[in-house]
Structure formats: C-alpha cells, structure tokens
Amino acid sequence: PPKPVSSAVKEAFYKKRCNLKALFSGDDPWRLE
C-alpha cells in the first residue's frame, strides 16, 4: 500500500550518496572522490 517515504530513509539516502552513471565507465559509484 502506498505511503510516504520515512524521514529515516531520506536521511540515510543523503548521508550515503552515489552516482549510478559511474557504472558505465567501470568506476565505483560510491567513491567520494
């Protein structure tokens, strides 16, 4: 059943950012640099 995303999930997302497009170049999407 649809429901708004929790604030805890939002907080976790913004604390752990990544770039999915880095997968196309073979890079690690989680690397901060």
PDB file of all heavy atoms in Angstrom:
ATOM      1  N   PRO A   1       0.826  -1.215   0.000  1.00  0.00           N
ATOM      2  CA  PRO A   1       0.000   0.000   0.000  1.00  0.00           C
ATOM      3  C   PRO A   1       0.857   1.262   0.000  1.00  0.00           C
ATOM      4  O   PRO A   1       1.832   1.358   0.754  1.00  0.00           O
ATOM      5  CB  PRO A   1      -0.809  -0.122   1.299  1.00  0.00           C
ATOM      6  CG  PRO A   1      -0.897  -1.598   1.535  1.00  0.00           C
ATOM      7  CD  PRO A   1       0.416  -2.152   1.063  1.00  0.00           C
ATOM      8  N   PRO A   2       0.538   2.240  -0.866  1.00  0.00           N
ATOM      9  CA  PRO A   2       1.353   3.463  -0.955  1.00  0.00           C
ATOM     10  C   PRO A   2       1.429   4.205   0.364  1.00  0.00           C
ATOM     11  O   PRO A   2       0.457   4.292   1.104  1.00  0.00           O
ATOM     12  CB  PRO A   2       0.602   4.289  -2.012  1.00  0.00           C
ATOM     13  CG  PRO A   2      -0.146   3.297  -2.833  1.00  0.00           C
ATOM     14  CD  PRO A   2      -0.550   2.224  -1.860  1.00  0.00           C
ATOM     15  N   LYS A   3       2.617   4.743   0.637  1.00  0.00           N
ATOM     16  CA  LYS A   3       2.823   5.565   1.828  1.00  0.00           C
ATOM     17  C   LYS A   3       4.052   6.426   1.601  1.00  0.00           C
ATOM     18  O   LYS A   3       4.949   6.062   0.836  1.00  0.00           O
ATOM     19  CB  LYS A   3       3.013   4.692   3.074  1.00  0.00           C
ATOM     20  CG  LYS A   3       4.261   3.831   3.056  1.00  0.00           C
ATOM     21  CD  LYS A   3       4.405   3.036   4.348  1.00  0.00           C
ATOM     22  CE  LYS A   3       5.681   2.195   4.350  1.00  0.00           C
ATOM     23  NZ  LYS A   3       5.833   1.412   5.597  1.00  0.00           N
ATOM     24  N   PRO A   4       4.114   7.597   2.240  1.00  0.00           N
ATOM     25  CA  PRO A   4       5.296   8.462   2.085  1.00  0.00           C
ATOM     26  C   PRO A   4       6.548   7.771   2.617  1.00  0.00           C
ATOM     27  O   PRO A   4       6.489   6.971   3.545  1.00  0.00           O
ATOM     28  CB  PRO A   4       4.941   9.696   2.930  1.00  0.00           C
ATOM     29  CG  PRO A   4       3.452   9.653   3.074  1.00  0.00           C
ATOM     30  CD  PRO A   4       3.073   8.205   3.093  1.00  0.00           C
ATOM     31  N   VAL A   5       7.675   8.095   2.011  1.00  0.00           N
ATOM     32  CA  VAL A   5       8.929   7.541   2.488  1.00  0.00           C
ATOM     33  C   VAL A   5       9.252   8.144   3.857  1.00  0.00           C
ATOM     34  O   VAL A   5       8.948   9.312   4.128  1.00  0.00           O
ATOM     35  CB  VAL A   5      10.068   7.810   1.477  1.00  0.00           C
ATOM     36  CG1 VAL A   5      10.347   9.292   1.374  1.00  0.00           C
ATOM     37  CG2 VAL A   5      11.319   7.053   1.846  1.00  0.00           C
ATOM     38  N   SER A   6       9.823   7.362   4.732  1.00  0.00           N
ATOM     39  CA  SER A   6      10.088   7.840   6.079  1.00  0.00           C
ATOM     40  C   SER A   6      11.256   8.816   6.097  1.00  0.00           C
ATOM     41  O   SER A   6      12.127   8.795   5.219  1.00  0.00           O
ATOM     42  CB  SER A   6      10.393   6.659   7.002  1.00  0.00           C
ATOM     43  OG  SER A   6      11.644   6.087   6.686  1.00  0.00           O
ATOM     44  N   SER A   7      11.301   9.643   7.118  1.00  0.00           N
ATOM     45  CA  SER A   7      12.400  10.591   7.268  1.00  0.00           C
ATOM     46  C   SER A   7      13.724   9.864   7.491  1.00  0.00           C
ATOM     47  O   SER A   7      14.786  10.342   7.088  1.00  0.00           O
ATOM     48  CB  SER A   7      12.119  11.543   8.431  1.00  0.00           C
ATOM     49  OG  SER A   7      11.918  10.820   9.643  1.00  0.00           O
ATOM     50  N   ALA A   8      13.670   8.674   8.116  1.00  0.00           N
ATOM     51  CA  ALA A   8      14.890   7.896   8.355  1.00  0.00           C
ATOM     52  C   ALA A   8      15.505   7.429   7.043  1.00  0.00           C
ATOM     53  O   ALA A   8      16.733   7.431   6.879  1.00  0.00           O
ATOM     54  CB  ALA A   8      14.572   6.697   9.242  1.00  0.00           C
ATOM     55  N   VAL A   9      14.677   7.039   6.085  1.00  0.00           N
ATOM     56  CA  VAL A   9      15.179   6.602   4.779  1.00  0.00           C
ATOM     57  C   VAL A   9      15.781   7.790   4.029  1.00  0.00           C
ATOM     58  O   VAL A   9      16.853   7.673   3.415  1.00  0.00           O
ATOM     59  CB  VAL A   9      14.054   5.947   3.958  1.00  0.00           C
ATOM     60  CG1 VAL A   9      14.527   5.667   2.528  1.00  0.00           C
ATOM     61  CG2 VAL A   9      13.585   4.666   4.624  1.00  0.00           C
ATOM     62  N   LYS A  10      15.112   8.924   4.074  1.00  0.00           N
ATOM     63  CA  LYS A  10      15.654  10.129   3.422  1.00  0.00           C
ATOM     64  C   LYS A  10      17.006  10.504   4.019  1.00  0.00           C
ATOM     65  O   LYS A  10      17.953  10.827   3.287  1.00  0.00           O
ATOM     66  CB  LYS A  10      14.676  11.302   3.584  1.00  0.00           C
ATOM     67  CG  LYS A  10      13.437  11.230   2.724  1.00  0.00           C
ATOM     68  CD  LYS A  10      12.623  12.499   2.909  1.00  0.00           C
ATOM     69  CE  LYS A  10      11.355  12.479   2.091  1.00  0.00           C
ATOM     70  NZ  LYS A  10      10.571  13.739   2.279  1.00  0.00           N
ATOM     71  N   GLU A  11      17.085  10.470   5.325  1.00  0.00           N
ATOM     72  CA  GLU A  11      18.336  10.831   5.992  1.00  0.00           C
ATOM     73  C   GLU A  11      19.455   9.876   5.589  1.00  0.00           C
ATOM     74  O   GLU A  11      20.585  10.298   5.317  1.00  0.00           O
ATOM     75  CB  GLU A  11      18.137  10.808   7.504  1.00  0.00           C
ATOM     76  CG  GLU A  11      19.373  11.218   8.292  1.00  0.00           C
ATOM     77  CD  GLU A  11      19.125  11.221   9.790  1.00  0.00           C
ATOM     78  OE1 GLU A  11      17.968  10.985  10.213  1.00  0.00           O
ATOM     79  OE2 GLU A  11      20.094  11.443  10.549  1.00  0.00           O
ATOM     80  N   ALA A  12      19.144   8.587   5.529  1.00  0.00           N
ATOM     81  CA  ALA A  12      20.151   7.598   5.139  1.00  0.00           C
ATOM     82  C   ALA A  12      20.598   7.806   3.696  1.00  0.00           C
ATOM     83  O   ALA A  12      21.778   7.660   3.372  1.00  0.00           O
ATOM     84  CB  ALA A  12      19.594   6.190   5.316  1.00  0.00           C
ATOM     85  N   PHE A  13      19.660   8.171   2.834  1.00  0.00           N
ATOM     86  CA  PHE A  13      19.996   8.415   1.427  1.00  0.00           C
ATOM     87  C   PHE A  13      20.982   9.572   1.292  1.00  0.00           C
ATOM     88  O   PHE A  13      21.979   9.466   0.565  1.00  0.00           O
ATOM     89  CB  PHE A  13      18.719   8.713   0.641  1.00  0.00           C
ATOM     90  CG  PHE A  13      18.973   9.117  -0.792  1.00  0.00           C
ATOM     91  CD1 PHE A  13      19.132   8.163  -1.774  1.00  0.00           C
ATOM     92  CD2 PHE A  13      19.050  10.457  -1.149  1.00  0.00           C
ATOM     93  CE1 PHE A  13      19.376   8.531  -3.091  1.00  0.00           C
ATOM     94  CE2 PHE A  13      19.297  10.837  -2.450  1.00  0.00           C
ATOM     95  CZ  PHE A  13      19.457   9.866  -3.429  1.00  0.00           C
ATOM     96  N   TYR A  14      20.715  10.674   1.969  1.00  0.00           N
ATOM     97  CA  TYR A  14      21.569  11.854   1.825  1.00  0.00           C
ATOM     98  C   TYR A  14      22.901  11.713   2.560  1.00  0.00           C
ATOM     99  O   TYR A  14      23.851  12.430   2.262  1.00  0.00           O
ATOM    100  CB  TYR A  14      20.813  13.090   2.290  1.00  0.00           C
ATOM    101  CG  TYR A  14      19.764  13.532   1.300  1.00  0.00           C
ATOM    102  CD1 TYR A  14      18.407  13.460   1.611  1.00  0.00           C
ATOM    103  CD2 TYR A  14      20.131  13.992   0.042  1.00  0.00           C
ATOM    104  CE1 TYR A  14      17.442  13.841   0.683  1.00  0.00           C
ATOM    105  CE2 TYR A  14      19.172  14.373  -0.888  1.00  0.00           C
ATOM    106  CZ  TYR A  14      17.834  14.287  -0.553  1.00  0.00           C
ATOM    107  OH  TYR A  14      16.891  14.662  -1.479  1.00  0.00           O
ATOM    108  N   LYS A  15      22.979  10.771   3.484  1.00  0.00           N
ATOM    109  CA  LYS A  15      24.247  10.508   4.155  1.00  0.00           C
ATOM    110  C   LYS A  15      25.145   9.588   3.332  1.00  0.00           C
ATOM    111  O   LYS A  15      26.362   9.532   3.549  1.00  0.00           O
ATOM    112  CB  LYS A  15      23.996   9.868   5.531  1.00  0.00           C
ATOM    113  CG  LYS A  15      23.568  10.854   6.608  1.00  0.00           C
ATOM    114  CD  LYS A  15      23.465  10.145   7.953  1.00  0.00           C
ATOM    115  CE  LYS A  15      23.122  11.135   9.062  1.00  0.00           C
ATOM    116  NZ  LYS A  15      23.027  10.450  10.386  1.00  0.00           N
ATOM    117  N   LYS A  16      24.533   8.863   2.394  1.00  0.00           N
ATOM    118  CA  LYS A  16      25.278   7.878   1.593  1.00  0.00           C
ATOM    119  C   LYS A  16      24.928   8.066   0.123  1.00  0.00           C
ATOM    120  O   LYS A  16      24.110   7.355  -0.436  1.00  0.00           O
ATOM    121  CB  LYS A  16      24.936   6.460   2.062  1.00  0.00           C
ATOM    122  CG  LYS A  16      25.762   5.363   1.415  1.00  0.00           C
ATOM    123  CD  LYS A  16      25.364   4.004   1.965  1.00  0.00           C
ATOM    124  CE  LYS A  16      26.174   2.893   1.329  1.00  0.00           C
ATOM    125  NZ  LYS A  16      25.777   1.556   1.827  1.00  0.00           N
ATOM    126  N   ARG A  17      25.570   9.063  -0.491  1.00  0.00           N
ATOM    127  CA  ARG A  17      25.279   9.386  -1.886  1.00  0.00           C
ATOM    128  C   ARG A  17      26.109   8.524  -2.831  1.00  0.00           C
ATOM    129  O   ARG A  17      27.181   8.021  -2.487  1.00  0.00           O
ATOM    130  CB  ARG A  17      25.570  10.862  -2.167  1.00  0.00           C
ATOM    131  CG  ARG A  17      24.819  11.835  -1.297  1.00  0.00           C
ATOM    132  CD  ARG A  17      23.310  11.675  -1.436  1.00  0.00           C
ATOM    133  NE  ARG A  17      22.834  11.834  -2.785  1.00  0.00           N
ATOM    134  CZ  ARG A  17      22.523  13.016  -3.358  1.00  0.00           C
ATOM    135  NH1 ARG A  17      22.667  14.129  -2.660  1.00  0.00           N
ATOM    136  NH2 ARG A  17      22.071  13.080  -4.594  1.00  0.00           N
ATOM    137  N   CYS A  18      25.624   8.380  -4.049  1.00  0.00           N
ATOM    138  CA  CYS A  18      26.364   7.649  -5.071  1.00  0.00           C
ATOM    139  C   CYS A  18      25.989   8.195  -6.440  1.00  0.00           C
ATOM    140  O   CYS A  18      25.084   9.028  -6.576  1.00  0.00           O
ATOM    141  CB  CYS A  18      26.094   6.148  -4.995  1.00  0.00           C
ATOM    142  SG  CYS A  18      24.505   5.631  -5.665  1.00  0.00           S
ATOM    143  N   ASN A  19      26.688   7.735  -7.445  1.00  0.00           N
ATOM    144  CA  ASN A  19      26.420   8.116  -8.829  1.00  0.00           C
ATOM    145  C   ASN A  19      26.285   6.859  -9.667  1.00  0.00           C
ATOM    146  O   ASN A  19      27.265   6.188  -9.982  1.00  0.00           O
ATOM    147  CB  ASN A  19      27.552   8.983  -9.379  1.00  0.00           C
ATOM    148  CG  ASN A  19      27.401   9.180 -10.875  1.00  0.00           C
ATOM    149  OD1 ASN A  19      26.331   9.480 -11.352  1.00  0.00           O
ATOM    150  ND2 ASN A  19      28.476   8.971 -11.600  1.00  0.00           N
ATOM    151  N   LEU A  20      25.052   6.528 -10.027  1.00  0.00           N
ATOM    152  CA  LEU A  20      24.803   5.305 -10.777  1.00  0.00           C
ATOM    153  C   LEU A  20      25.487   5.297 -12.139  1.00  0.00           C
ATOM    154  O   LEU A  20      25.934   4.254 -12.621  1.00  0.00           O
ATOM    155  CB  LEU A  20      23.294   5.107 -10.959  1.00  0.00           C
ATOM    156  CG  LEU A  20      22.492   4.781  -9.696  1.00  0.00           C
ATOM    157  CD1 LEU A  20      21.007   4.724 -10.024  1.00  0.00           C
ATOM    158  CD2 LEU A  20      22.945   3.463  -9.080  1.00  0.00           C
ATOM    159  N   LYS A  21      25.604   6.466 -12.772  1.00  0.00           N
ATOM    160  CA  LYS A  21      26.183   6.519 -14.113  1.00  0.00           C
ATOM    161  C   LYS A  21      27.659   6.119 -14.125  1.00  0.00           C
ATOM    162  O   LYS A  21      28.204   5.789 -15.175  1.00  0.00           O
ATOM    163  CB  LYS A  21      26.013   7.922 -14.696  1.00  0.00           C
ATOM    164  CG  LYS A  21      24.568   8.277 -15.004  1.00  0.00           C
ATOM    165  CD  LYS A  21      24.465   9.661 -15.612  1.00  0.00           C
ATOM    166  CE  LYS A  21      23.020  10.028 -15.921  1.00  0.00           C
ATOM    167  NZ  LYS A  21      22.907  11.397 -16.496  1.00  0.00           N
ATOM    168  N   ALA A  22      28.301   6.151 -12.950  1.00  0.00           N
ATOM    169  CA  ALA A  22      29.699   5.725 -12.884  1.00  0.00           C
ATOM    170  C   ALA A  22      29.843   4.255 -13.255  1.00  0.00           C
ATOM    171  O   ALA A  22      30.932   3.814 -13.646  1.00  0.00           O
ATOM    172  CB  ALA A  22      30.254   5.971 -11.491  1.00  0.00           C
ATOM    173  N   LEU A  23      28.759   3.477 -13.159  1.00  0.00           N
ATOM    174  CA  LEU A  23      28.815   2.074 -13.528  1.00  0.00           C
ATOM    175  C   LEU A  23      29.158   1.894 -14.999  1.00  0.00           C
ATOM    176  O   LEU A  23      29.782   0.905 -15.384  1.00  0.00           O
ATOM    177  CB  LEU A  23      27.476   1.394 -13.216  1.00  0.00           C
ATOM    178  CG  LEU A  23      27.110   1.257 -11.736  1.00  0.00           C
ATOM    179  CD1 LEU A  23      25.671   0.793 -11.595  1.00  0.00           C
ATOM    180  CD2 LEU A  23      28.053   0.287 -11.043  1.00  0.00           C
ATOM    181  N   PHE A  24      28.752   2.844 -15.835  1.00  0.00           N
ATOM    182  CA  PHE A  24      29.012   2.721 -17.268  1.00  0.00           C
ATOM    183  C   PHE A  24      30.500   2.866 -17.612  1.00  0.00           C
ATOM    184  O   PHE A  24      30.956   2.344 -18.626  1.00  0.00           O
ATOM    185  CB  PHE A  24      28.207   3.760 -18.051  1.00  0.00           C
ATOM    186  CG  PHE A  24      26.736   3.479 -18.101  1.00  0.00           C
ATOM    187  CD1 PHE A  24      25.824   4.436 -17.709  1.00  0.00           C
ATOM    188  CD2 PHE A  24      26.261   2.254 -18.527  1.00  0.00           C
ATOM    189  CE1 PHE A  24      24.459   4.187 -17.750  1.00  0.00           C
ATOM    190  CE2 PHE A  24      24.896   1.978 -18.565  1.00  0.00           C
ATOM    191  CZ  PHE A  24      23.994   2.947 -18.177  1.00  0.00           C
ATOM    192  N   SER A  25      31.238   3.558 -16.778  1.00  0.00           N
ATOM    193  CA  SER A  25      32.665   3.735 -17.027  1.00  0.00           C
ATOM    194  C   SER A  25      33.516   2.759 -16.211  1.00  0.00           C
ATOM    195  O   SER A  25      34.744   2.815 -16.255  1.00  0.00           O
ATOM    196  CB  SER A  25      33.087   5.172 -16.714  1.00  0.00           C
ATOM    197  OG  SER A  25      32.781   5.503 -15.376  1.00  0.00           O
ATOM    198  N   GLY A  26      32.854   1.874 -15.485  1.00  0.00           N
ATOM    199  CA  GLY A  26      33.572   0.890 -14.684  1.00  0.00           C
ATOM    200  C   GLY A  26      34.092   1.427 -13.378  1.00  0.00           C
ATOM    201  O   GLY A  26      34.880   0.765 -12.698  1.00  0.00           O
ATOM    202  N   ASP A  27      33.655   2.625 -12.985  1.00  0.00           N
ATOM    203  CA  ASP A  27      34.090   3.216 -11.728  1.00  0.00           C
ATOM    204  C   ASP A  27      33.172   2.785 -10.583  1.00  0.00           C
ATOM    205  O   ASP A  27      32.052   2.329 -10.800  1.00  0.00           O
ATOM    206  CB  ASP A  27      34.105   4.747 -11.827  1.00  0.00           C
ATOM    207  CG  ASP A  27      35.160   5.252 -12.785  1.00  0.00           C
ATOM    208  OD1 ASP A  27      36.284   4.727 -12.738  1.00  0.00           O
ATOM    209  OD2 ASP A  27      34.857   6.153 -13.590  1.00  0.00           O
ATOM    210  N   ASP A  28      33.656   2.967  -9.382  1.00  0.00           N
ATOM    211  CA  ASP A  28      32.868   2.661  -8.192  1.00  0.00           C
ATOM    212  C   ASP A  28      31.921   3.823  -7.922  1.00  0.00           C
ATOM    213  O   ASP A  28      32.355   4.942  -7.636  1.00  0.00           O
ATOM    214  CB  ASP A  28      33.810   2.456  -7.001  1.00  0.00           C
ATOM    215  CG  ASP A  28      33.074   2.007  -5.748  1.00  0.00           C
ATOM    216  OD1 ASP A  28      31.840   2.104  -5.707  1.00  0.00           O
ATOM    217  OD2 ASP A  28      33.747   1.571  -4.806  1.00  0.00           O
ATOM    218  N   PRO A  29      30.606   3.596  -8.006  1.00  0.00           N
ATOM    219  CA  PRO A  29      29.650   4.696  -7.809  1.00  0.00           C
ATOM    220  C   PRO A  29      29.631   5.264  -6.402  1.00  0.00           C
ATOM    221  O   PRO A  29      29.058   6.317  -6.166  1.00  0.00           O
ATOM    222  CB  PRO A  29      28.299   4.068  -8.163  1.00  0.00           C
ATOM    223  CG  PRO A  29      28.504   2.611  -7.970  1.00  0.00           C
ATOM    224  CD  PRO A  29      29.930   2.327  -8.321  1.00  0.00           C
ATOM    225  N   TRP A  30      30.267   4.580  -5.461  1.00  0.00           N
ATOM    226  CA  TRP A  30      30.270   5.021  -4.074  1.00  0.00           C
ATOM    227  C   TRP A  30      31.522   5.812  -3.707  1.00  0.00           C
ATOM    228  O   TRP A  30      31.607   6.344  -2.604  1.00  0.00           O
ATOM    229  CB  TRP A  30      30.161   3.819  -3.138  1.00  0.00           C
ATOM    230  CG  TRP A  30      28.940   3.006  -3.343  1.00  0.00           C
ATOM    231  CD1 TRP A  30      28.839   1.820  -4.007  1.00  0.00           C
ATOM    232  CD2 TRP A  30      27.608   3.307  -2.910  1.00  0.00           C
ATOM    233  NE1 TRP A  30      27.534   1.366  -4.006  1.00  0.00           N
ATOM    234  CE2 TRP A  30      26.769   2.260  -3.327  1.00  0.00           C
ATOM    235  CE3 TRP A  30      27.044   4.373  -2.179  1.00  0.00           C
ATOM    236  CZ2 TRP A  30      25.401   2.236  -3.056  1.00  0.00           C
ATOM    237  CZ3 TRP A  30      25.696   4.351  -1.907  1.00  0.00           C
ATOM    238  CH2 TRP A  30      24.886   3.293  -2.340  1.00  0.00           C
ATOM    239  N   ARG A  31      32.486   5.892  -4.586  1.00  0.00           N
ATOM    240  CA  ARG A  31      33.729   6.587  -4.264  1.00  0.00           C
ATOM    241  C   ARG A  31      33.507   8.094  -4.173  1.00  0.00           C
ATOM    242  O   ARG A  31      33.074   8.728  -5.139  1.00  0.00           O
ATOM    243  CB  ARG A  31      34.797   6.285  -5.308  1.00  0.00           C
ATOM    244  CG  ARG A  31      35.409   4.900  -5.183  1.00  0.00           C
ATOM    245  CD  ARG A  31      36.369   4.622  -6.320  1.00  0.00           C
ATOM    246  NE  ARG A  31      37.391   5.654  -6.416  1.00  0.00           N
ATOM    247  CZ  ARG A  31      38.233   5.762  -7.447  1.00  0.00           C
ATOM    248  NH1 ARG A  31      38.148   4.913  -8.457  1.00  0.00           N
ATOM    249  NH2 ARG A  31      39.144   6.709  -7.461  1.00  0.00           N
ATOM    250  N   LEU A  32      33.808   8.655  -3.031  1.00  0.00           N
ATOM    251  CA  LEU A  32      33.546  10.069  -2.785  1.00  0.00           C
ATOM    252  C   LEU A  32      34.330  10.972  -3.725  1.00  0.00           C
ATOM    253  O   LEU A  32      33.856  12.035  -4.126  1.00  0.00           O
ATOM    254  CB  LEU A  32      33.877  10.416  -1.332  1.00  0.00           C
ATOM    255  CG  LEU A  32      33.023   9.736  -0.265  1.00  0.00           C
ATOM    256  CD1 LEU A  32      33.509  10.129   1.122  1.00  0.00           C
ATOM    257  CD2 LEU A  32      31.562  10.099  -0.441  1.00  0.00           C
ATOM    258  N   GLU A  33      35.536  10.556  -4.108  1.00  0.00           N
ATOM    259  CA  GLU A  33      36.353  11.419  -4.963  1.00  0.00           C
ATOM    260  C   GLU A  33      35.778  11.560  -6.364  1.00  0.00           C
ATOM    261  O   GLU A  33      36.165  12.463  -7.109  1.00  0.00           O
ATOM    262  CB  GLU A  33      37.793  10.895  -5.038  1.00  0.00           C
ATOM    263  CG  GLU A  33      37.928   9.494  -5.636  1.00  0.00           C
ATOM    264  CD  GLU A  33      37.920   8.426  -4.553  1.00  0.00           C
ATOM    265  OE1 GLU A  33      37.299   8.672  -3.507  1.00  0.00           O
ATOM    266  OE2 GLU A  33      38.525   7.363  -4.773  1.00  0.00           O
TER     267      GLU A  33
END
